[in-house]
PDB file of N, CA and C in Angstrom:
ATOM      1  N   MET A   1      15.111   0.183  12.375  1.00  0.00           N
ATOM      2  CA  MET A   1      14.259   0.799  11.524  1.00  0.00           C
ATOM      3  C   MET A   1      13.094   1.680  11.918  1.00  0.00           C
ATOM      4  N   SER A   2      12.801   2.948  11.378  1.00  0.00           N
ATOM      5  CA  SER A   2      11.687   3.416  11.630  1.00  0.00           C
ATOM      6  C   SER A   2      10.491   3.802  10.751  1.00  0.00           C
ATOM      7  N   THR A   3       9.220   3.868  11.119  1.00  0.00           N
ATOM      8  CA  THR A   3       8.302   4.000  10.488  1.00  0.00           C
ATOM      9  C   THR A   3       7.391   5.728  10.628  1.00  0.00           C
ATOM     10  N   ALA A   4       7.189   6.324   9.757  1.00  0.00           N
ATOM     11  CA  ALA A   4       6.646   7.717   9.537  1.00  0.00           C
ATOM     12  C   ALA A   4       5.381   7.658   8.876  1.00  0.00           C
ATOM     13  N   HIS A   5       4.211   8.420   9.371  1.00  0.00           N
ATOM     14  CA  HIS A   5       3.636   8.728   8.130  1.00  0.00           C
ATOM     15  C   HIS A   5       3.431   9.906   7.673  1.00  0.00           C
ATOM     16  N   ILE A   6       3.528  10.106   6.110  1.00  0.00           N
ATOM     17  CA  ILE A   6       3.885  11.202   5.358  1.00  0.00           C
ATOM     18  C   ILE A   6       2.571  11.563   4.620  1.00  0.00           C
ATOM     19  N   ASP A   7       2.570  12.800   4.153  1.00  0.00           N
ATOM     20  CA  ASP A   7       1.645  13.356   3.430  1.00  0.00           C
ATOM     21  C   ASP A   7       2.502  14.479   2.623  1.00  0.00           C
ATOM     22  N   PRO A   8       2.897  13.935   1.737  1.00  0.00           N
ATOM     23  CA  PRO A   8       3.844  15.046   0.877  1.00  0.00           C
ATOM     24  C   PRO A   8       2.822  16.041   0.075  1.00  0.00           C
ATOM     25  N   PRO A   9       3.040  16.960  -0.355  1.00  0.00           N
ATOM     26  CA  PRO A   9       2.198  17.930  -1.024  1.00  0.00           C
ATOM     27  C   PRO A   9       2.227  17.466  -2.703  1.00  0.00           C
ATOM     28  N   GLY A  10       1.083  17.134  -3.540  1.00  0.00           N
ATOM     29  CA  GLY A  10       1.134  16.305  -4.580  1.00  0.00           C
ATOM     30  C   GLY A  10       1.063  14.908  -4.853  1.00  0.00           C
ATOM     31  N   GLU A  11       1.375  14.341  -3.376  1.00  0.00           N
ATOM     32  CA  GLU A  11       1.615  12.884  -3.552  1.00  0.00           C
ATOM     33  C   GLU A  11       0.397  12.295  -2.379  1.00  0.00           C
ATOM     34  N   PRO A  12       0.352  10.742  -2.560  1.00  0.00           N
ATOM     35  CA  PRO A  12      -0.846  10.367  -1.700  1.00  0.00           C
ATOM     36  C   PRO A  12      -0.187  10.076  -0.318  1.00  0.00           C
ATOM     37  N   GLU A  13      -0.788  10.455   0.790  1.00  0.00           N
ATOM     38  CA  GLU A  13      -0.536   9.901   1.777  1.00  0.00           C
ATOM     39  C   GLU A  13       0.346   8.421   2.070  1.00  0.00           C
ATOM     40  N   ARG A  14       0.943   8.194   2.870  1.00  0.00           N
ATOM     41  CA  ARG A  14       1.650   6.852   2.583  1.00  0.00           C
ATOM     42  C   ARG A  14       2.584   6.767   4.245  1.00  0.00           C
ATOM     43  N   ASP A  15       2.971   5.371   4.480  1.00  0.00           N
ATOM     44  CA  ASP A  15       3.499   5.246   5.500  1.00  0.00           C
ATOM     45  C   ASP A  15       5.182   4.844   4.940  1.00  0.00           C
ATOM     46  N   VAL A  16       6.294   5.180   5.468  1.00  0.00           N
ATOM     47  CA  VAL A  16       7.533   5.054   5.083  1.00  0.00           C
ATOM     48  C   VAL A  16       8.359   4.692   5.928  1.00  0.00           C
ATOM     49  N   THR A  17       9.202   3.534   5.596  1.00  0.00           N
ATOM     50  CA  THR A  17      10.035   2.951   6.471  1.00  0.00           C
ATOM     51  C   THR A  17      11.520   3.070   6.167  1.00  0.00           C
ATOM     52  N   ARG A  18      12.133   3.659   7.014  1.00  0.00           N
ATOM     53  CA  ARG A  18      13.635   3.743   6.615  1.00  0.00           C
ATOM     54  C   ARG A  18      14.609   3.437   8.007  1.00  0.00           C
ATOM     55  N   GLU A  19      15.680   2.962   7.811  1.00  0.00           N
ATOM     56  CA  GLU A  19      16.769   3.179   8.686  1.00  0.00           C
ATOM     57  C   GLU A  19      16.571   4.356   9.715  1.00  0.00           C
ATOM     58  N   ALA A  20      16.784   4.607  10.798  1.00  0.00           N
ATOM     59  CA  ALA A  20      17.072   5.702  11.707  1.00  0.00           C
ATOM     60  C   ALA A  20      17.862   5.288  13.083  1.00  0.00           C
ATOM     61  N   TRP A  21      18.109   6.595  13.754  1.00  0.00           N
ATOM     62  CA  TRP A  21      18.477   6.413  15.071  1.00  0.00           C
ATOM     63  C   TRP A  21      18.284   7.414  16.097  1.00  0.00           C
ATOM     64  N   VAL A  22      18.124   6.956  17.138  1.00  0.00           N
ATOM     65  CA  VAL A  22      18.001   7.943  18.451  1.00  0.00           C
ATOM     66  C   VAL A  22      19.198   7.470  19.477  1.00  0.00           C
ATOM     67  N   HIS A  23      19.428   8.528  20.000  1.00  0.00           N
ATOM     68  CA  HIS A  23      20.141   8.496  21.184  1.00  0.00           C
ATOM     69  C   HIS A  23      19.977   9.394  22.148  1.00  0.00           C
ATOM     70  N   VAL A  24      19.469   8.759  23.546  1.00  0.00           N
ATOM     71  CA  VAL A  24      19.267   9.604  24.796  1.00  0.00           C
ATOM     72  C   VAL A  24      20.607  10.001  25.404  1.00  0.00           C
ATOM     73  N   LEU A  25      20.611  11.216  25.802  1.00  0.00           N
ATOM     74  CA  LEU A  25      22.089  11.620  26.539  1.00  0.00           C
ATOM     75  C   LEU A  25      21.358  12.137  27.911  1.00  0.00           C
ATOM     76  N   GLU A  26      20.929  11.349  28.748  1.00  0.00           N
ATOM     77  CA  GLU A  26      20.453  11.475  30.241  1.00  0.00           C
ATOM     78  C   GLU A  26      21.133  12.636  31.288  1.00  0.00           C
ATOM     79  N   ASP A  27      22.612  12.430  30.986  1.00  0.00           N
ATOM     80  CA  ASP A  27      23.390  13.673  31.580  1.00  0.00           C
ATOM     81  C   ASP A  27      23.193  15.129  30.970  1.00  0.00           C
ATOM     82  N   ALA A  28      23.058  15.060  29.353  1.00  0.00           N
ATOM     83  CA  ALA A  28      22.585  16.353  28.988  1.00  0.00           C
ATOM     84  C   ALA A  28      21.325  16.745  28.905  1.00  0.00           C
ATOM     85  N   MET A  29      20.495  15.881  29.316  1.00  0.00           N
ATOM     86  CA  MET A  29      18.808  16.016  28.995  1.00  0.00           C
ATOM     87  C   MET A  29      18.818  16.317  27.788  1.00  0.00           C
ATOM     88  N   SER A  30      19.022  15.392  26.931  1.00  0.00           N
ATOM     89  CA  SER A  30      19.024  15.749  25.506  1.00  0.00           C
ATOM     90  C   SER A  30      18.330  14.446  24.659  1.00  0.00           C
ATOM     91  N   LEU A  31      17.812  14.416  23.555  1.00  0.00           N
ATOM     92  CA  LEU A  31      17.621  13.520  22.803  1.00  0.00           C
ATOM     93  C   LEU A  31      17.810  13.891  21.471  1.00  0.00           C
ATOM     94  N   GLU A  32      18.887  13.162  20.997  1.00  0.00           N
ATOM     95  CA  GLU A  32      19.336  13.159  19.727  1.00  0.00           C
ATOM     96  C   GLU A  32      18.629  12.392  18.581  1.00  0.00           C
ATOM     97  N   TRP A  33      18.096  12.345  17.068  1.00  0.00           N
ATOM     98  CA  TRP A  33      17.792  11.630  16.173  1.00  0.00           C
ATOM     99  C   TRP A  33      18.258  11.908  14.768  1.00  0.00           C
ATOM    100  N   GLY A  34      18.066  11.305  14.005  1.00  0.00           N
ATOM    101  CA  GLY A  34      18.508  11.289  12.522  1.00  0.00           C
ATOM    102  C   GLY A  34      18.138  10.104  11.523  1.00  0.00           C
ATOM    103  N   ALA A  35      18.363  10.323  10.439  1.00  0.00           N
ATOM    104  CA  ALA A  35      18.299   9.294   9.710  1.00  0.00           C
ATOM    105  C   ALA A  35      19.291   9.301   8.265  1.00  0.00           C
ATOM    106  N   PRO A  36      20.222   8.304   7.837  1.00  0.00           N
ATOM    107  CA  PRO A  36      20.930   8.640   7.039  1.00  0.00           C
ATOM    108  C   PRO A  36      20.320   8.548   5.751  1.00  0.00           C
ATOM    109  N   GLY A  37      20.855   9.376   4.713  1.00  0.00           N
ATOM    110  CA  GLY A  37      20.206   9.596   3.287  1.00  0.00           C
ATOM    111  C   GLY A  37      20.906  10.834   3.134  1.00  0.00           C
ATOM    112  N   PRO A  38      20.042  11.199   1.657  1.00  0.00           N
ATOM    113  CA  PRO A  38      20.759  12.424   1.016  1.00  0.00           C
ATOM    114  C   PRO A  38      20.253  13.772   1.457  1.00  0.00           C
ATOM    115  N   ASP A  39      19.248  13.994   2.672  1.00  0.00           N
ATOM    116  CA  ASP A  39      18.785  14.912   3.056  1.00  0.00           C
ATOM    117  C   ASP A  39      19.508  15.351   4.666  1.00  0.00           C
ATOM    118  N   ASP A  40      20.503  14.433   4.709  1.00  0.00           N
ATOM    119  CA  ASP A  40      21.265  14.948   6.084  1.00  0.00           C
ATOM    120  C   ASP A  40      20.226  15.324   7.209  1.00  0.00           C
ATOM    121  N   TYR A  41      19.329  14.423   7.408  1.00  0.00           N
ATOM    122  CA  TYR A  41      18.201  14.927   8.471  1.00  0.00           C
ATOM    123  C   TYR A  41      18.922  14.356   9.891  1.00  0.00           C
ATOM    124  N   HIS A  42      18.618  15.374  10.910  1.00  0.00           N
ATOM    125  CA  HIS A  42      18.764  14.920  12.157  1.00  0.00           C
ATOM    126  C   HIS A  42      18.267  16.005  12.985  1.00  0.00           C
ATOM    127  N   GLY A  43      18.289  15.981  14.531  1.00  0.00           N
ATOM    128  CA  GLY A  43      17.884  16.846  15.074  1.00  0.00           C
ATOM    129  C   GLY A  43      17.945  16.437  16.456  1.00  0.00           C
ATOM    130  N   ARG A  44      17.843  17.674  17.410  1.00  0.00           N
ATOM    131  CA  ARG A  44      18.019  17.383  18.719  1.00  0.00           C
ATOM    132  C   ARG A  44      16.875  18.329  19.697  1.00  0.00           C
ATOM    133  N   LEU A  45      16.556  17.447  20.789  1.00  0.00           N
ATOM    134  CA  LEU A  45      15.598  18.186  22.041  1.00  0.00           C
ATOM    135  C   LEU A  45      16.211  18.289  23.071  1.00  0.00           C
ATOM    136  N   HIS A  46      16.341  19.354  23.876  1.00  0.00           N
ATOM    137  CA  HIS A  46      16.756  19.761  24.979  1.00  0.00           C
ATOM    138  C   HIS A  46      16.152  20.297  25.581  1.00  0.00           C
ATOM    139  N   VAL A  47      16.101  19.637  26.875  1.00  0.00           N
ATOM    140  CA  VAL A  47      15.299  20.099  28.381  1.00  0.00           C
ATOM    141  C   VAL A  47      16.051  20.575  29.057  1.00  0.00           C
ATOM    142  N   ALA A  48      15.935  22.143  29.416  1.00  0.00           N
ATOM    143  CA  ALA A  48      16.600  22.891  30.832  1.00  0.00           C
ATOM    144  C   ALA A  48      15.751  23.560  31.585  1.00  0.00           C
ATOM    145  N   ALA A  49      16.195  24.156  32.658  1.00  0.00           N
ATOM    146  CA  ALA A  49      15.136  24.558  33.700  1.00  0.00           C
ATOM    147  C   ALA A  49      14.618  25.881  32.874  1.00  0.00           C
ATOM    148  N   GLY A  50      13.713  26.236  33.699  1.00  0.00           N
ATOM    149  CA  GLY A  50      12.703  27.365  32.910  1.00  0.00           C
ATOM    150  C   GLY A  50      13.442  28.490  33.707  1.00  0.00           C
ATOM    151  N   ASP A  51      12.273  29.637  33.287  1.00  0.00           N
ATOM    152  CA  ASP A  51      12.759  30.925  33.933  1.00  0.00           C
ATOM    153  C   ASP A  51      11.819  30.884  35.557  1.00  0.00           C
ATOM    154  N   GLU A  52      11.173  30.140  35.907  1.00  0.00           N
ATOM    155  CA  GLU A  52      10.309  30.146  36.619  1.00  0.00           C
ATOM    156  C   GLU A  52      10.452  28.838  37.579  1.00  0.00           C
ATOM    157  N   ALA A  53      10.504  28.954  38.852  1.00  0.00           N
ATOM    158  CA  ALA A  53      10.452  27.933  39.668  1.00  0.00           C
ATOM    159  C   ALA A  53       9.516  26.544  38.946  1.00  0.00           C
ATOM    160  N   GLY A  54      10.096  25.372  38.848  1.00  0.00           N
ATOM    161  CA  GLY A  54       8.976  24.091  38.568  1.00  0.00           C
ATOM    162  C   GLY A  54       8.726  24.412  37.073  1.00  0.00           C
ATOM    163  N   SER A  55       9.690  25.180  36.574  1.00  0.00           N
ATOM    164  CA  SER A  55       9.239  24.965  34.667  1.00  0.00           C
ATOM    165  C   SER A  55      10.220  24.775  34.040  1.00  0.00           C
ATOM    166  N   SER A  56       9.925  24.345  32.964  1.00  0.00           N
ATOM    167  CA  SER A  56      11.185  23.773  31.919  1.00  0.00           C
ATOM    168  C   SER A  56      11.129  24.469  30.724  1.00  0.00           C
ATOM    169  N   ARG A  57      12.293  24.334  30.104  1.00  0.00           N
ATOM    170  CA  ARG A  57      12.343  25.004  28.711  1.00  0.00           C
ATOM    171  C   ARG A  57      13.071  23.978  27.605  1.00  0.00           C
ATOM    172  N   LEU A  58      12.088  24.018  26.701  1.00  0.00           N
ATOM    173  CA  LEU A  58      12.502  22.674  25.536  1.00  0.00           C
ATOM    174  C   LEU A  58      12.713  23.291  24.090  1.00  0.00           C
ATOM    175  N   THR A  59      14.106  23.096  23.633  1.00  0.00           N
ATOM    176  CA  THR A  59      14.533  23.611  22.807  1.00  0.00           C
ATOM    177  C   THR A  59      14.649  22.503  21.777  1.00  0.00           C
ATOM    178  N   VAL A  60      13.999  22.657  20.612  1.00  0.00           N
ATOM    179  CA  VAL A  60      14.187  21.649  19.505  1.00  0.00           C
ATOM    180  C   VAL A  60      14.962  22.236  18.142  1.00  0.00           C
ATOM    181  N   GLU A  61      15.934  21.510  17.706  1.00  0.00           N
ATOM    182  CA  GLU A  61      16.518  21.712  16.600  1.00  0.00           C
ATOM    183  C   GLU A  61      16.373  20.939  15.433  1.00  0.00           C
ATOM    184  N   LEU A  62      16.152  21.255  14.209  1.00  0.00           N
ATOM    185  CA  LEU A  62      15.999  20.422  13.051  1.00  0.00           C
ATOM    186  C   LEU A  62      16.924  20.721  11.915  1.00  0.00           C
ATOM    187  N   HIS A  63      17.619  19.855  11.248  1.00  0.00           N
ATOM    188  CA  HIS A  63      18.308  19.973  10.572  1.00  0.00           C
ATOM    189  C   HIS A  63      18.007  19.000   9.125  1.00  0.00           C
ATOM    190  N   THR A  64      17.847  19.550   8.011  1.00  0.00           N
ATOM    191  CA  THR A  64      17.696  18.552   6.742  1.00  0.00           C
ATOM    192  C   THR A  64      17.685  19.638   5.589  1.00  0.00           C
ATOM    193  N   ASP A  65      18.456  18.931   4.538  1.00  0.00           N
ATOM    194  CA  ASP A  65      18.875  19.646   3.231  1.00  0.00           C
ATOM    195  C   ASP A  65      17.472  19.998   2.486  1.00  0.00           C
ATOM    196  N   SER A  66      16.500  18.843   2.830  1.00  0.00           N
ATOM    197  CA  SER A  66      15.201  19.246   1.719  1.00  0.00           C
ATOM    198  C   SER A  66      13.986  19.763   2.612  1.00  0.00           C
ATOM    199  N   VAL A  67      13.969  21.015   2.248  1.00  0.00           N
ATOM    200  CA  VAL A  67      13.037  22.098   2.832  1.00  0.00           C
ATOM    201  C   VAL A  67      11.776  22.356   1.858  1.00  0.00           C
ATOM    202  N   GLU A  68      10.790  21.764   2.406  1.00  0.00           N
ATOM    203  CA  GLU A  68       9.586  22.043   1.546  1.00  0.00           C
ATOM    204  C   GLU A  68       8.738  22.882   2.233  1.00  0.00           C
ATOM    205  N   GLY A  69       9.172  24.212   2.919  1.00  0.00           N
ATOM    206  CA  GLY A  69       8.297  25.141   3.530  1.00  0.00           C
ATOM    207  C   GLY A  69       7.509  24.483   4.646  1.00  0.00           C
ATOM    208  N   GLU A  70       5.890  24.805   4.338  1.00  0.00           N
ATOM    209  CA  GLU A  70       4.822  24.208   5.271  1.00  0.00           C
ATOM    210  C   GLU A  70       5.024  22.803   5.598  1.00  0.00           C
ATOM    211  N   HIS A  71       5.454  22.018   4.729  1.00  0.00           N
ATOM    212  CA  HIS A  71       5.637  20.459   4.803  1.00  0.00           C
ATOM    213  C   HIS A  71       6.425  20.095   6.220  1.00  0.00           C
ATOM    214  N   VAL A  72       7.403  20.802   6.112  1.00  0.00           N
ATOM    215  CA  VAL A  72       8.490  20.823   7.464  1.00  0.00           C
ATOM    216  C   VAL A  72       8.115  21.108   8.592  1.00  0.00           C
ATOM    217  N   SER A  73       7.471  22.849   8.380  1.00  0.00           N
ATOM    218  CA  SER A  73       6.715  23.018   9.595  1.00  0.00           C
ATOM    219  C   SER A  73       5.566  21.924  10.098  1.00  0.00           C
ATOM    220  N   ARG A  74       4.838  21.648   9.314  1.00  0.00           N
ATOM    221  CA  ARG A  74       3.815  20.965   9.704  1.00  0.00           C
ATOM    222  C   ARG A  74       4.474  19.556  10.395  1.00  0.00           C
ATOM    223  N   GLY A  75       5.405  18.755   9.847  1.00  0.00           N
ATOM    224  CA  GLY A  75       5.903  17.665  10.217  1.00  0.00           C
ATOM    225  C   GLY A  75       6.287  18.046  11.865  1.00  0.00           C
ATOM    226  N   LEU A  76       7.159  19.070  12.039  1.00  0.00           N
ATOM    227  CA  LEU A  76       7.801  19.386  13.435  1.00  0.00           C
ATOM    228  C   LEU A  76       6.819  19.733  14.172  1.00  0.00           C
ATOM    229  N   GLU A  77       5.639  20.315  13.905  1.00  0.00           N
ATOM    230  CA  GLU A  77       4.972  20.504  15.031  1.00  0.00           C
ATOM    231  C   GLU A  77       3.759  19.194  15.409  1.00  0.00           C
ATOM    232  N   GLU A  78       3.628  18.332  14.371  1.00  0.00           N
ATOM    233  CA  GLU A  78       2.914  16.890  14.587  1.00  0.00           C
ATOM    234  C   GLU A  78       4.065  16.330  15.362  1.00  0.00           C
ATOM    235  N   ALA A  79       5.422  16.148  15.100  1.00  0.00           N
ATOM    236  CA  ALA A  79       6.586  15.559  16.189  1.00  0.00           C
ATOM    237  C   ALA A  79       6.160  16.130  17.692  1.00  0.00           C
ATOM    238  N   LEU A  80       6.312  17.378  17.899  1.00  0.00           N
ATOM    239  CA  LEU A  80       6.196  18.150  19.230  1.00  0.00           C
ATOM    240  C   LEU A  80       4.805  17.524  20.020  1.00  0.00           C
ATOM    241  N   HIS A  81       3.719  17.644  19.222  1.00  0.00           N
ATOM    242  CA  HIS A  81       2.322  17.157  19.996  1.00  0.00           C
ATOM    243  C   HIS A  81       2.847  15.652  20.271  1.00  0.00           C
ATOM    244  N   GLY A  82       3.243  15.144  19.183  1.00  0.00           N
ATOM    245  CA  GLY A  82       3.454  13.639  19.829  1.00  0.00           C
ATOM    246  C   GLY A  82       4.352  13.610  21.064  1.00  0.00           C
ATOM    247  N   ILE A  83       5.575  14.227  21.352  1.00  0.00           N
ATOM    248  CA  ILE A  83       6.425  14.557  22.247  1.00  0.00           C
ATOM    249  C   ILE A  83       5.799  14.875  23.672  1.00  0.00           C
ATOM    250  N   LYS A  84       4.661  15.948  23.535  1.00  0.00           N
ATOM    251  CA  LYS A  84       3.897  16.501  24.436  1.00  0.00           C
ATOM    252  C   LYS A  84       3.047  15.383  25.299  1.00  0.00           C
ATOM    253  N   ARG A  85       2.360  14.478  24.247  1.00  0.00           N
ATOM    254  CA  ARG A  85       1.518  13.384  24.670  1.00  0.00           C
ATOM    255  C   ARG A  85       2.066  12.257  25.406  1.00  0.00           C
ATOM    256  N   ALA A  86       3.556  11.976  24.573  1.00  0.00           N
ATOM    257  CA  ALA A  86       4.101  11.241  25.643  1.00  0.00           C
ATOM    258  C   ALA A  86       4.650  11.505  26.831  1.00  0.00           C
ATOM    259  N   ALA A  87       5.037  12.838  27.155  1.00  0.00           N
ATOM    260  CA  ALA A  87       5.243  13.136  28.353  1.00  0.00           C
ATOM    261  C   ALA A  87       4.419  13.328  29.377  1.00  0.00           C
ATOM    262  N   GLU A  88       2.676  13.594  28.874  1.00  0.00           N
ATOM    263  CA  GLU A  88       2.004  13.481  29.834  1.00  0.00           C
ATOM    264  C   GLU A  88       1.410  12.294  30.379  1.00  0.00           C
ATOM    265  N   ARG A  89       1.697  11.405  29.240  1.00  0.00           N
ATOM    266  CA  ARG A  89       1.492   9.865  29.795  1.00  0.00           C
ATOM    267  C   ARG A  89       2.300   9.607  30.891  1.00  0.00           C
ATOM    268  N   SER A  90       3.316   9.685  30.458  1.00  0.00           N
ATOM    269  CA  SER A  90       4.562   9.086  31.627  1.00  0.00           C
ATOM    270  C   SER A  90       4.379   9.919  32.958  1.00  0.00           C
ATOM    271  N   ALA A  91       3.905  11.168  33.053  1.00  0.00           N
ATOM    272  CA  ALA A  91       4.057  11.898  34.365  1.00  0.00           C
ATOM    273  C   ALA A  91       2.594  11.412  35.014  1.00  0.00           C
ATOM    274  N   ARG A  92       1.848  10.525  34.738  1.00  0.00           N
ATOM    275  CA  ARG A  92       0.504  10.187  35.244  1.00  0.00           C
ATOM    276  C   ARG A  92       0.886   9.188  36.396  1.00  0.00           C
TER     277      ARG A  92
END
């Protein structure tokens, strides 16, 4: 089970708990996630060598049948900020 804080347009903010999955593919330097349901929500984060020495390139793929414009973009941006904070904490 996973809990997310959501702020849907025209509705009150709330926490939502539902079944979800995460797979870490260490050899592929990837993380995959998803949640079963009618929206077919899943995604992938992949880390590869960057163009310059000591740099990395991060690619994020997101798939959902429920597209709500700015709401999806804002959620993805918040997720990326969370990933960045977690990576910075673990690098200390």
